[in-house]
Amino acid sequence: MKLYNKNYAIIYINSSFNNTISTLTDKKGNTLMWYSSGSLGFKGPKKSTSLSSQIISEKISSFAINKNIKIIDIYIKGIIIGKDVILRIINNSGLYVRSITDITSVPHNGCRKKKKRRV
């Protein structure tokens, strides 16, 4: 059974409080195209807004359609304000979204507690 074909790609969306970076790769992990909020002209606190993530997802999906990519997997990492909007834009662009995975790192046990105060 063949899982992947030539029309398959992966979209990684990495979002932080300061910036949003989206990368389109092939099935082996080679980067085809990437966009970030700063490269599109957003400066300062506007880089982490949902508008910048919308524009990034539109650009990535239009590039994927131009490269004849039809099936994609989406990996999301970080705290994204407009997560639903990003996924809706990619889905409405004509790409078939096979899976959506959240790869945000979660601490196993958290930070160490403060020592108990001695009086």
PDB file of N, CA and C in Angstrom:
ATOM      1  N   MET A   1       0.841  -1.179   0.000  1.00  0.00           N
ATOM      2  CA  MET A   1       0.000   0.000   0.000  1.00  0.00           C
ATOM      3  C   MET A   1       0.887   1.244   0.000  1.00  0.00           C
ATOM      4  N   LYS A   2       0.661   2.131  -0.953  1.00  0.00           N
ATOM      5  CA  LYS A   2       1.469   3.327  -1.084  1.00  0.00           C
ATOM      6  C   LYS A   2       0.749   4.486  -0.404  1.00  0.00           C
ATOM      7  N   LEU A   3       1.375   5.048   0.626  1.00  0.00           N
ATOM      8  CA  LEU A   3       0.738   6.126   1.369  1.00  0.00           C
ATOM      9  C   LEU A   3       0.966   7.487   0.725  1.00  0.00           C
ATOM     10  N   TYR A   4       2.138   7.708   0.164  1.00  0.00           N
ATOM     11  CA  TYR A   4       2.492   9.023  -0.349  1.00  0.00           C
ATOM     12  C   TYR A   4       2.635   8.983  -1.860  1.00  0.00           C
ATOM     13  N   ASN A   5       2.367  10.097  -2.471  1.00  0.00           N
ATOM     14  CA  ASN A   5       2.602  10.238  -3.898  1.00  0.00           C
ATOM     15  C   ASN A   5       3.242  11.591  -4.168  1.00  0.00           C
ATOM     16  N   LYS A   6       3.374  11.959  -5.432  1.00  0.00           N
ATOM     17  CA  LYS A   6       4.058  13.206  -5.790  1.00  0.00           C
ATOM     18  C   LYS A   6       3.246  14.438  -5.416  1.00  0.00           C
ATOM     19  N   ASN A   7       1.947  14.266  -5.235  1.00  0.00           N
ATOM     20  CA  ASN A   7       1.084  15.404  -4.937  1.00  0.00           C
ATOM     21  C   ASN A   7       0.912  15.622  -3.441  1.00  0.00           C
ATOM     22  N   TYR A   8       1.848  15.157  -2.642  1.00  0.00           N
ATOM     23  CA  TYR A   8       1.744  15.202  -1.187  1.00  0.00           C
ATOM     24  C   TYR A   8       2.775  16.165  -0.613  1.00  0.00           C
ATOM     25  N   ALA A   9       2.372  16.934   0.419  1.00  0.00           N
ATOM     26  CA  ALA A   9       3.297  17.852   1.089  1.00  0.00           C
ATOM     27  C   ALA A   9       2.875  18.010   2.540  1.00  0.00           C
ATOM     28  N   ILE A  10       3.752  18.620   3.332  1.00  0.00           N
ATOM     29  CA  ILE A  10       3.510  18.847   4.750  1.00  0.00           C
ATOM     30  C   ILE A  10       3.658  20.347   5.020  1.00  0.00           C
ATOM     31  N   ILE A  11       2.737  20.893   5.791  1.00  0.00           N
ATOM     32  CA  ILE A  11       2.812  22.298   6.199  1.00  0.00           C
ATOM     33  C   ILE A  11       3.077  22.338   7.702  1.00  0.00           C
ATOM     34  N   TYR A  12       4.172  22.989   8.100  1.00  0.00           N
ATOM     35  CA  TYR A  12       4.496  23.203   9.504  1.00  0.00           C
ATOM     36  C   TYR A  12       4.199  24.657   9.831  1.00  0.00           C
ATOM     37  N   ILE A  13       3.381  24.883  10.856  1.00  0.00           N
ATOM     38  CA  ILE A  13       3.071  26.236  11.308  1.00  0.00           C
ATOM     39  C   ILE A  13       3.621  26.385  12.715  1.00  0.00           C
ATOM     40  N   ASN A  14       4.609  27.264  12.871  1.00  0.00           N
ATOM     41  CA  ASN A  14       5.244  27.500  14.167  1.00  0.00           C
ATOM     42  C   ASN A  14       4.906  28.921  14.595  1.00  0.00           C
ATOM     43  N   SER A  15       4.197  29.032  15.707  1.00  0.00           N
ATOM     44  CA  SER A  15       3.757  30.340  16.158  1.00  0.00           C
ATOM     45  C   SER A  15       4.233  30.593  17.581  1.00  0.00           C
ATOM     46  N   SER A  16       4.727  31.797  17.815  1.00  0.00           N
ATOM     47  CA  SER A  16       5.133  32.197  19.154  1.00  0.00           C
ATOM     48  C   SER A  16       4.458  33.528  19.464  1.00  0.00           C
ATOM     49  N   PHE A  17       4.818  34.114  20.593  1.00  0.00           N
ATOM     50  CA  PHE A  17       4.240  35.402  20.948  1.00  0.00           C
ATOM     51  C   PHE A  17       4.813  36.530  20.097  1.00  0.00           C
ATOM     52  N   ASN A  18       5.946  36.278  19.421  1.00  0.00           N
ATOM     53  CA  ASN A  18       6.607  37.330  18.653  1.00  0.00           C
ATOM     54  C   ASN A  18       6.492  37.177  17.146  1.00  0.00           C
ATOM     55  N   ASN A  19       6.290  35.958  16.642  1.00  0.00           N
ATOM     56  CA  ASN A  19       6.331  35.753  15.200  1.00  0.00           C
ATOM     57  C   ASN A  19       5.560  34.492  14.829  1.00  0.00           C
ATOM     58  N   THR A  20       5.205  34.375  13.559  1.00  0.00           N
ATOM     59  CA  THR A  20       4.572  33.178  13.017  1.00  0.00           C
ATOM     60  C   THR A  20       5.343  32.766  11.779  1.00  0.00           C
ATOM     61  N   ILE A  21       5.782  31.504  11.733  1.00  0.00           N
ATOM     62  CA  ILE A  21       6.562  30.986  10.616  1.00  0.00           C
ATOM     63  C   ILE A  21       5.848  29.768  10.061  1.00  0.00           C
ATOM     64  N   SER A  22       5.682  29.717   8.759  1.00  0.00           N
ATOM     65  CA  SER A  22       5.020  28.589   8.111  1.00  0.00           C
ATOM     66  C   SER A  22       5.954  28.046   7.035  1.00  0.00           C
ATOM     67  N   THR A  23       6.107  26.715   7.007  1.00  0.00           N
ATOM     68  CA  THR A  23       7.024  26.061   6.087  1.00  0.00           C
ATOM     69  C   THR A  23       6.292  24.969   5.325  1.00  0.00           C
ATOM     70  N   LEU A  24       6.475  24.923   4.021  1.00  0.00           N
ATOM     71  CA  LEU A  24       5.919  23.871   3.172  1.00  0.00           C
ATOM     72  C   LEU A  24       7.058  22.949   2.768  1.00  0.00           C
ATOM     73  N   THR A  25       6.936  21.665   3.114  1.00  0.00           N
ATOM     74  CA  THR A  25       7.985  20.700   2.796  1.00  0.00           C
ATOM     75  C   THR A  25       7.409  19.553   1.991  1.00  0.00           C
ATOM     76  N   ASP A  26       8.299  18.802   1.324  1.00  0.00           N
ATOM     77  CA  ASP A  26       7.858  17.591   0.651  1.00  0.00           C
ATOM     78  C   ASP A  26       7.843  16.446   1.649  1.00  0.00           C
ATOM     79  N   LYS A  27       7.596  15.233   1.159  1.00  0.00           N
ATOM     80  CA  LYS A  27       7.444  14.105   2.090  1.00  0.00           C
ATOM     81  C   LYS A  27       8.742  13.715   2.772  1.00  0.00           C
ATOM     82  N   LYS A  28       9.889  14.101   2.212  1.00  0.00           N
ATOM     83  CA  LYS A  28      11.181  13.793   2.836  1.00  0.00           C
ATOM     84  C   LYS A  28      11.628  14.864   3.825  1.00  0.00           C
ATOM     85  N   GLY A  29      10.959  16.005   3.821  1.00  0.00           N
ATOM     86  CA  GLY A  29      11.310  17.079   4.740  1.00  0.00           C
ATOM     87  C   GLY A  29      12.105  18.195   4.099  1.00  0.00           C
ATOM     88  N   ASN A  30      12.284  18.151   2.779  1.00  0.00           N
ATOM     89  CA  ASN A  30      12.998  19.219   2.085  1.00  0.00           C
ATOM     90  C   ASN A  30      12.074  20.428   1.936  1.00  0.00           C
ATOM     91  N   THR A  31      12.581  21.598   2.286  1.00  0.00           N
ATOM     92  CA  THR A  31      11.772  22.808   2.262  1.00  0.00           C
ATOM     93  C   THR A  31      11.505  23.248   0.830  1.00  0.00           C
ATOM     94  N   LEU A  32      10.218  23.448   0.520  1.00  0.00           N
ATOM     95  CA  LEU A  32       9.830  23.967  -0.787  1.00  0.00           C
ATOM     96  C   LEU A  32       9.636  25.477  -0.732  1.00  0.00           C
ATOM     97  N   MET A  33       8.986  25.971   0.346  1.00  0.00           N
ATOM     98  CA  MET A  33       8.732  27.399   0.499  1.00  0.00           C
ATOM     99  C   MET A  33       8.475  27.686   1.965  1.00  0.00           C
ATOM    100  N   TRP A  34       8.855  28.853   2.417  1.00  0.00           N
ATOM    101  CA  TRP A  34       8.560  29.271   3.781  1.00  0.00           C
ATOM    102  C   TRP A  34       8.188  30.739   3.783  1.00  0.00           C
ATOM    103  N   TYR A  35       7.372  31.111   4.736  1.00  0.00           N
ATOM    104  CA  TYR A  35       6.985  32.498   4.951  1.00  0.00           C
ATOM    105  C   TYR A  35       6.993  32.776   6.443  1.00  0.00           C
ATOM    106  N   SER A  36       7.317  33.999   6.800  1.00  0.00           N
ATOM    107  CA  SER A  36       7.175  34.448   8.174  1.00  0.00           C
ATOM    108  C   SER A  36       6.499  35.816   8.151  1.00  0.00           C
ATOM    109  N   SER A  37       6.002  36.228   9.298  1.00  0.00           N
ATOM    110  CA  SER A  37       5.314  37.515   9.371  1.00  0.00           C
ATOM    111  C   SER A  37       6.259  38.665   9.059  1.00  0.00           C
ATOM    112  N   GLY A  38       7.490  38.550   9.517  1.00  0.00           N
ATOM    113  CA  GLY A  38       8.461  39.604   9.259  1.00  0.00           C
ATOM    114  C   GLY A  38       8.839  39.715   7.796  1.00  0.00           C
ATOM    115  N   SER A  39       8.894  38.583   7.081  1.00  0.00           N
ATOM    116  CA  SER A  39       9.257  38.624   5.658  1.00  0.00           C
ATOM    117  C   SER A  39       8.142  39.213   4.811  1.00  0.00           C
ATOM    118  N   LEU A  40       6.915  39.223   5.330  1.00  0.00           N
ATOM    119  CA  LEU A  40       5.791  39.805   4.590  1.00  0.00           C
ATOM    120  C   LEU A  40       5.591  41.284   4.904  1.00  0.00           C
ATOM    121  N   GLY A  41       6.441  41.858   5.759  1.00  0.00           N
ATOM    122  CA  GLY A  41       6.389  43.291   6.002  1.00  0.00           C
ATOM    123  C   GLY A  41       5.753  43.706   7.300  1.00  0.00           C
ATOM    124  N   PHE A  42       5.352  42.762   8.140  1.00  0.00           N
ATOM    125  CA  PHE A  42       4.783  43.115   9.433  1.00  0.00           C
ATOM    126  C   PHE A  42       5.908  43.431  10.407  1.00  0.00           C
ATOM    127  N   LYS A  43       5.728  44.483  11.188  1.00  0.00           N
ATOM    128  CA  LYS A  43       6.758  44.908  12.135  1.00  0.00           C
ATOM    129  C   LYS A  43       6.188  44.939  13.547  1.00  0.00           C
ATOM    130  N   GLY A  44       7.046  44.660  14.510  1.00  0.00           N
ATOM    131  CA  GLY A  44       6.686  44.803  15.913  1.00  0.00           C
ATOM    132  C   GLY A  44       5.579  43.873  16.366  1.00  0.00           C
ATOM    133  N   PRO A  45       4.626  44.392  17.131  1.00  0.00           N
ATOM    134  CA  PRO A  45       3.570  43.527  17.678  1.00  0.00           C
ATOM    135  C   PRO A  45       2.569  43.025  16.639  1.00  0.00           C
ATOM    136  N   LYS A  46       2.594  43.594  15.431  1.00  0.00           N
ATOM    137  CA  LYS A  46       1.669  43.139  14.389  1.00  0.00           C
ATOM    138  C   LYS A  46       2.073  41.784  13.810  1.00  0.00           C
ATOM    139  N   LYS A  47       3.315  41.342  14.094  1.00  0.00           N
ATOM    140  CA  LYS A  47       3.784  40.054  13.567  1.00  0.00           C
ATOM    141  C   LYS A  47       3.054  38.875  14.180  1.00  0.00           C
ATOM    142  N   SER A  48       2.556  39.021  15.394  1.00  0.00           N
ATOM    143  CA  SER A  48       1.923  37.897  16.078  1.00  0.00           C
ATOM    144  C   SER A  48       0.397  37.946  16.004  1.00  0.00           C
ATOM    145  N   THR A  49      -0.164  38.766  15.122  1.00  0.00           N
ATOM    146  CA  THR A  49      -1.618  38.869  15.027  1.00  0.00           C
ATOM    147  C   THR A  49      -2.184  37.781  14.131  1.00  0.00           C
ATOM    148  N   SER A  50      -3.500  37.626  14.192  1.00  0.00           N
ATOM    149  CA  SER A  50      -4.156  36.614  13.366  1.00  0.00           C
ATOM    150  C   SER A  50      -4.183  37.038  11.900  1.00  0.00           C
ATOM    151  N   LEU A  51      -4.132  38.336  11.617  1.00  0.00           N
ATOM    152  CA  LEU A  51      -4.118  38.802  10.231  1.00  0.00           C
ATOM    153  C   LEU A  51      -2.856  38.350   9.514  1.00  0.00           C
ATOM    154  N   SER A  52      -1.728  38.438  10.189  1.00  0.00           N
ATOM    155  CA  SER A  52      -0.481  37.996   9.560  1.00  0.00           C
ATOM    156  C   SER A  52      -0.499  36.493   9.321  1.00  0.00           C
ATOM    157  N   SER A  53      -1.076  35.711  10.241  1.00  0.00           N
ATOM    158  CA  SER A  53      -1.156  34.267  10.021  1.00  0.00           C
ATOM    159  C   SER A  53      -2.106  33.926   8.882  1.00  0.00           C
ATOM    160  N   GLN A  54      -3.167  34.711   8.703  1.00  0.00           N
ATOM    161  CA  GLN A  54      -4.079  34.487   7.583  1.00  0.00           C
ATOM    162  C   GLN A  54      -3.370  34.700   6.258  1.00  0.00           C
ATOM    163  N   ILE A  55      -2.607  35.772   6.148  1.00  0.00           N
ATOM    164  CA  ILE A  55      -1.916  36.077   4.906  1.00  0.00           C
ATOM    165  C   ILE A  55      -0.861  35.019   4.607  1.00  0.00           C
ATOM    166  N   ILE A  56      -0.166  34.549   5.648  1.00  0.00           N
ATOM    167  CA  ILE A  56       0.830  33.488   5.471  1.00  0.00           C
ATOM    168  C   ILE A  56       0.174  32.222   4.950  1.00  0.00           C
ATOM    169  N   SER A  57      -0.965  31.843   5.523  1.00  0.00           N
ATOM    170  CA  SER A  57      -1.628  30.613   5.079  1.00  0.00           C
ATOM    171  C   SER A  57      -2.164  30.752   3.660  1.00  0.00           C
ATOM    172  N   GLU A  58      -2.622  31.936   3.257  1.00  0.00           N
ATOM    173  CA  GLU A  58      -3.057  32.153   1.874  1.00  0.00           C
ATOM    174  C   GLU A  58      -1.888  31.996   0.910  1.00  0.00           C
ATOM    175  N   LYS A  59      -0.744  32.576   1.257  1.00  0.00           N
ATOM    176  CA  LYS A  59       0.436  32.492   0.379  1.00  0.00           C
ATOM    177  C   LYS A  59       0.924  31.057   0.250  1.00  0.00           C
ATOM    178  N   ILE A  60       1.004  30.337   1.362  1.00  0.00           N
ATOM    179  CA  ILE A  60       1.483  28.952   1.332  1.00  0.00           C
ATOM    180  C   ILE A  60       0.545  28.071   0.519  1.00  0.00           C
ATOM    181  N   SER A  61      -0.773  28.231   0.708  1.00  0.00           N
ATOM    182  CA  SER A  61      -1.723  27.387  -0.020  1.00  0.00           C
ATOM    183  C   SER A  61      -1.730  27.708  -1.510  1.00  0.00           C
ATOM    184  N   SER A  62      -1.578  28.977  -1.888  1.00  0.00           N
ATOM    185  CA  SER A  62      -1.525  29.309  -3.312  1.00  0.00           C
ATOM    186  C   SER A  62      -0.246  28.773  -3.952  1.00  0.00           C
ATOM    187  N   PHE A  63       0.865  28.779  -3.218  1.00  0.00           N
ATOM    188  CA  PHE A  63       2.103  28.209  -3.744  1.00  0.00           C
ATOM    189  C   PHE A  63       1.962  26.698  -3.934  1.00  0.00           C
ATOM    190  N   ALA A  64       1.293  26.033  -2.978  1.00  0.00           N
ATOM    191  CA  ALA A  64       1.094  24.580  -3.081  1.00  0.00           C
ATOM    192  C   ALA A  64       0.221  24.230  -4.279  1.00  0.00           C
ATOM    193  N   ILE A  65      -0.789  25.032  -4.532  1.00  0.00           N
ATOM    194  CA  ILE A  65      -1.658  24.771  -5.687  1.00  0.00           C
ATOM    195  C   ILE A  65      -0.889  24.976  -6.983  1.00  0.00           C
ATOM    196  N   ASN A  66      -0.030  25.996  -7.038  1.00  0.00           N
ATOM    197  CA  ASN A  66       0.773  26.237  -8.242  1.00  0.00           C
ATOM    198  C   ASN A  66       1.767  25.110  -8.501  1.00  0.00           C
ATOM    199  N   LYS A  67       2.242  24.438  -7.447  1.00  0.00           N
ATOM    200  CA  LYS A  67       3.174  23.320  -7.588  1.00  0.00           C
ATOM    201  C   LYS A  67       2.453  21.987  -7.774  1.00  0.00           C
ATOM    202  N   ASN A  68       1.129  22.025  -7.981  1.00  0.00           N
ATOM    203  CA  ASN A  68       0.318  20.836  -8.246  1.00  0.00           C
ATOM    204  C   ASN A  68       0.296  19.888  -7.050  1.00  0.00           C
ATOM    205  N   ILE A  69       0.264  20.446  -5.844  1.00  0.00           N
ATOM    206  CA  ILE A  69       0.155  19.651  -4.622  1.00  0.00           C
ATOM    207  C   ILE A  69      -1.318  19.608  -4.242  1.00  0.00           C
ATOM    208  N   LYS A  70      -1.818  18.409  -3.976  1.00  0.00           N
ATOM    209  CA  LYS A  70      -3.235  18.255  -3.689  1.00  0.00           C
ATOM    210  C   LYS A  70      -3.518  17.767  -2.267  1.00  0.00           C
ATOM    211  N   ILE A  71      -2.624  16.967  -1.691  1.00  0.00           N
ATOM    212  CA  ILE A  71      -2.833  16.379  -0.373  1.00  0.00           C
ATOM    213  C   ILE A  71      -1.792  16.950   0.583  1.00  0.00           C
ATOM    214  N   ILE A  72      -2.237  17.413   1.766  1.00  0.00           N
ATOM    215  CA  ILE A  72      -1.301  17.969   2.733  1.00  0.00           C
ATOM    216  C   ILE A  72      -1.610  17.456   4.137  1.00  0.00           C
ATOM    217  N   ASP A  73      -0.581  17.424   4.954  1.00  0.00           N
ATOM    218  CA  ASP A  73      -0.702  17.228   6.389  1.00  0.00           C
ATOM    219  C   ASP A  73      -0.284  18.534   7.048  1.00  0.00           C
ATOM    220  N   ILE A  74      -0.936  18.887   8.138  1.00  0.00           N
ATOM    221  CA  ILE A  74      -0.634  20.137   8.835  1.00  0.00           C
ATOM    222  C   ILE A  74      -0.138  19.809  10.234  1.00  0.00           C
ATOM    223  N   TYR A  75       1.019  20.366  10.596  1.00  0.00           N
ATOM    224  CA  TYR A  75       1.575  20.249  11.939  1.00  0.00           C
ATOM    225  C   TYR A  75       1.633  21.640  12.544  1.00  0.00           C
ATOM    226  N   ILE A  76       0.948  21.831  13.671  1.00  0.00           N
ATOM    227  CA  ILE A  76       0.869  23.134  14.314  1.00  0.00           C
ATOM    228  C   ILE A  76       1.646  23.086  15.618  1.00  0.00           C
ATOM    229  N   LYS A  77       2.514  24.085  15.828  1.00  0.00           N
ATOM    230  CA  LYS A  77       3.293  24.156  17.056  1.00  0.00           C
ATOM    231  C   LYS A  77       3.177  25.560  17.630  1.00  0.00           C
ATOM    232  N   GLY A  78       2.866  25.655  18.906  1.00  0.00           N
ATOM    233  CA  GLY A  78       2.821  26.942  19.566  1.00  0.00           C
ATOM    234  C   GLY A  78       1.415  27.425  19.828  1.00  0.00           C
ATOM    235  N   ILE A  79       1.343  28.612  20.376  1.00  0.00           N
ATOM    236  CA  ILE A  79       0.078  29.231  20.736  1.00  0.00           C
ATOM    237  C   ILE A  79      -0.341  30.130  19.583  1.00  0.00           C
ATOM    238  N   ILE A  80      -1.402  29.740  18.905  1.00  0.00           N
ATOM    239  CA  ILE A  80      -1.857  30.495  17.747  1.00  0.00           C
ATOM    240  C   ILE A  80      -3.203  31.120  18.081  1.00  0.00           C
ATOM    241  N   ILE A  81      -3.319  32.430  17.818  1.00  0.00           N
ATOM    242  CA  ILE A  81      -4.559  33.134  18.118  1.00  0.00           C
ATOM    243  C   ILE A  81      -5.646  32.727  17.116  1.00  0.00           C
ATOM    244  N   GLY A  82      -5.341  32.734  15.826  1.00  0.00           N
ATOM    245  CA  GLY A  82      -6.338  32.444  14.804  1.00  0.00           C
ATOM    246  C   GLY A  82      -6.180  31.060  14.210  1.00  0.00           C
ATOM    247  N   LYS A  83      -6.073  30.047  15.055  1.00  0.00           N
ATOM    248  CA  LYS A  83      -5.841  28.678  14.577  1.00  0.00           C
ATOM    249  C   LYS A  83      -6.977  28.192  13.684  1.00  0.00           C
ATOM    250  N   ASP A  84      -8.224  28.472  14.063  1.00  0.00           N
ATOM    251  CA  ASP A  84      -9.366  28.039  13.275  1.00  0.00           C
ATOM    252  C   ASP A  84      -9.391  28.718  11.909  1.00  0.00           C
ATOM    253  N   VAL A  85      -9.043  29.997  11.892  1.00  0.00           N
ATOM    254  CA  VAL A  85      -9.058  30.750  10.642  1.00  0.00           C
ATOM    255  C   VAL A  85      -7.990  30.227   9.681  1.00  0.00           C
ATOM    256  N   ILE A  86      -6.824  29.915  10.208  1.00  0.00           N
ATOM    257  CA  ILE A  86      -5.736  29.399   9.368  1.00  0.00           C
ATOM    258  C   ILE A  86      -6.143  28.080   8.723  1.00  0.00           C
ATOM    259  N   LEU A  87      -6.700  27.181   9.520  1.00  0.00           N
ATOM    260  CA  LEU A  87      -7.112  25.887   8.994  1.00  0.00           C
ATOM    261  C   LEU A  87      -8.251  26.026   7.986  1.00  0.00           C
ATOM    262  N   ARG A  88      -9.166  26.960   8.223  1.00  0.00           N
ATOM    263  CA  ARG A  88     -10.273  27.181   7.296  1.00  0.00           C
ATOM    264  C   ARG A  88      -9.780  27.723   5.959  1.00  0.00           C
ATOM    265  N   ILE A  89      -8.806  28.620   5.990  1.00  0.00           N
ATOM    266  CA  ILE A  89      -8.261  29.185   4.748  1.00  0.00           C
ATOM    267  C   ILE A  89      -7.562  28.106   3.933  1.00  0.00           C
ATOM    268  N   ILE A  90      -6.763  27.273   4.586  1.00  0.00           N
ATOM    269  CA  ILE A  90      -6.056  26.209   3.874  1.00  0.00           C
ATOM    270  C   ILE A  90      -7.045  25.196   3.309  1.00  0.00           C
ATOM    271  N   ASN A  91      -8.091  24.878   4.060  1.00  0.00           N
ATOM    272  CA  ASN A  91      -9.084  23.911   3.599  1.00  0.00           C
ATOM    273  C   ASN A  91      -9.907  24.459   2.437  1.00  0.00           C
ATOM    274  N   ASN A  92     -10.250  25.755   2.483  1.00  0.00           N
ATOM    275  CA  ASN A  92     -11.053  26.360   1.418  1.00  0.00           C
ATOM    276  C   ASN A  92     -10.261  26.661   0.160  1.00  0.00           C
ATOM    277  N   SER A  93      -8.943  26.544   0.218  1.00  0.00           N
ATOM    278  CA  SER A  93      -8.136  26.864  -0.956  1.00  0.00           C
ATOM    279  C   SER A  93      -8.177  25.762  -2.009  1.00  0.00           C
ATOM    280  N   GLY A  94      -8.730  24.611  -1.678  1.00  0.00           N
ATOM    281  CA  GLY A  94      -8.817  23.525  -2.643  1.00  0.00           C
ATOM    282  C   GLY A  94      -7.877  22.381  -2.344  1.00  0.00           C
ATOM    283  N   LEU A  95      -7.114  22.487  -1.261  1.00  0.00           N
ATOM    284  CA  LEU A  95      -6.216  21.413  -0.863  1.00  0.00           C
ATOM    285  C   LEU A  95      -6.963  20.409   0.002  1.00  0.00           C
ATOM    286  N   TYR A  96      -6.617  19.136  -0.133  1.00  0.00           N
ATOM    287  CA  TYR A  96      -7.206  18.092   0.699  1.00  0.00           C
ATOM    288  C   TYR A  96      -6.352  17.934   1.942  1.00  0.00           C
ATOM    289  N   VAL A  97      -6.912  18.287   3.099  1.00  0.00           N
ATOM    290  CA  VAL A  97      -6.194  18.197   4.375  1.00  0.00           C
ATOM    291  C   VAL A  97      -6.394  16.794   4.914  1.00  0.00           C
ATOM    292  N   ARG A  98      -5.319  16.021   4.930  1.00  0.00           N
ATOM    293  CA  ARG A  98      -5.408  14.634   5.380  1.00  0.00           C
ATOM    294  C   ARG A  98      -5.378  14.529   6.890  1.00  0.00           C
ATOM    295  N   SER A  99      -4.539  15.307   7.552  1.00  0.00           N
ATOM    296  CA  SER A  99      -4.485  15.261   9.012  1.00  0.00           C
ATOM    297  C   SER A  99      -4.014  16.600   9.560  1.00  0.00           C
ATOM    298  N   ILE A 100      -4.463  16.893  10.776  1.00  0.00           N
ATOM    299  CA  ILE A 100      -4.043  18.084  11.508  1.00  0.00           C
ATOM    300  C   ILE A 100      -3.488  17.603  12.842  1.00  0.00           C
ATOM    301  N   THR A 101      -2.220  17.917  13.116  1.00  0.00           N
ATOM    302  CA  THR A 101      -1.567  17.441  14.330  1.00  0.00           C
ATOM    303  C   THR A 101      -1.002  18.621  15.096  1.00  0.00           C
ATOM    304  N   ASP A 102      -1.234  18.638  16.404  1.00  0.00           N
ATOM    305  CA  ASP A 102      -0.673  19.665  17.264  1.00  0.00           C
ATOM    306  C   ASP A 102       0.579  19.095  17.922  1.00  0.00           C
ATOM    307  N   ILE A 103       1.748  19.673  17.632  1.00  0.00           N
ATOM    308  CA  ILE A 103       3.019  19.167  18.159  1.00  0.00           C
ATOM    309  C   ILE A 103       3.616  20.117  19.191  1.00  0.00           C
ATOM    310  N   THR A 104       2.761  20.882  19.866  1.00  0.00           N
ATOM    311  CA  THR A 104       3.229  21.794  20.898  1.00  0.00           C
ATOM    312  C   THR A 104       3.819  21.003  22.053  1.00  0.00           C
ATOM    313  N   SER A 105       5.008  21.381  22.487  1.00  0.00           N
ATOM    314  CA  SER A 105       5.658  20.664  23.579  1.00  0.00           C
ATOM    315  C   SER A 105       4.966  20.976  24.902  1.00  0.00           C
ATOM    316  N   VAL A 106       4.773  19.926  25.709  1.00  0.00           N
ATOM    317  CA  VAL A 106       4.104  20.063  26.992  1.00  0.00           C
ATOM    318  C   VAL A 106       5.052  19.529  28.061  1.00  0.00           C
ATOM    319  N   PRO A 107       5.291  20.282  29.141  1.00  0.00           N
ATOM    320  CA  PRO A 107       6.186  19.771  30.178  1.00  0.00           C
ATOM    321  C   PRO A 107       5.575  18.568  30.884  1.00  0.00           C
ATOM    322  N   HIS A 108       6.417  17.582  31.209  1.00  0.00           N
ATOM    323  CA  HIS A 108       5.919  16.372  31.859  1.00  0.00           C
ATOM    324  C   HIS A 108       5.525  16.633  33.305  1.00  0.00           C
ATOM    325  N   ASN A 109       6.370  17.362  34.015  1.00  0.00           N
ATOM    326  CA  ASN A 109       6.119  17.538  35.432  1.00  0.00           C
ATOM    327  C   ASN A 109       6.082  19.009  35.840  1.00  0.00           C
ATOM    328  N   GLY A 110       6.349  19.912  34.949  1.00  0.00           N
ATOM    329  CA  GLY A 110       6.314  21.324  35.265  1.00  0.00           C
ATOM    330  C   GLY A 110       7.570  21.800  35.966  1.00  0.00           C
ATOM    331  N   CYS A 111       7.524  23.021  36.434  1.00  0.00           N
ATOM    332  CA  CYS A 111       8.666  23.614  37.117  1.00  0.00           C
ATOM    333  C   CYS A 111       8.761  23.105  38.548  1.00  0.00           C
ATOM    334  N   ARG A 112       9.935  23.236  39.106  1.00  0.00           N
ATOM    335  CA  ARG A 112      10.143  22.837  40.505  1.00  0.00           C
ATOM    336  C   ARG A 112       9.486  23.854  41.425  1.00  0.00           C
ATOM    337  N   LYS A 113       8.837  23.388  42.461  1.00  0.00           N
ATOM    338  CA  LYS A 113       8.158  24.268  43.409  1.00  0.00           C
ATOM    339  C   LYS A 113       9.173  25.001  44.274  1.00  0.00           C
ATOM    340  N   LYS A 114       8.730  26.148  44.785  1.00  0.00           N
ATOM    341  CA  LYS A 114       9.573  26.892  45.718  1.00  0.00           C
ATOM    342  C   LYS A 114       9.689  26.124  47.026  1.00  0.00           C
ATOM    343  N   LYS A 115      10.840  26.279  47.678  1.00  0.00           N
ATOM    344  CA  LYS A 115      11.000  25.557  48.965  1.00  0.00           C
ATOM    345  C   LYS A 115      10.077  26.169  50.006  1.00  0.00           C
ATOM    346  N   LYS A 116       9.678  25.360  50.949  1.00  0.00           N
ATOM    347  CA  LYS A 116       8.749  25.787  51.974  1.00  0.00           C
ATOM    348  C   LYS A 116       9.435  26.789  52.906  1.00  0.00           C
ATOM    349  N   ARG A 117       8.709  27.827  53.255  1.00  0.00           N
ATOM    350  CA  ARG A 117       9.250  28.889  54.097  1.00  0.00           C
ATOM    351  C   ARG A 117       9.384  28.402  55.543  1.00  0.00           C
ATOM    352  N   ARG A 118      10.568  28.662  56.114  1.00  0.00           N
ATOM    353  CA  ARG A 118      10.786  28.299  57.505  1.00  0.00           C
ATOM    354  C   ARG A 118      10.672  29.543  58.380  1.00  0.00           C
ATOM    355  N   VAL A 119       9.926  29.430  59.444  1.00  0.00           N
ATOM    356  CA  VAL A 119       9.745  30.606  60.321  1.00  0.00           C
ATOM    357  C   VAL A 119      10.433  30.377  61.632  1.00  0.00           C
TER     358      VAL A 119
END
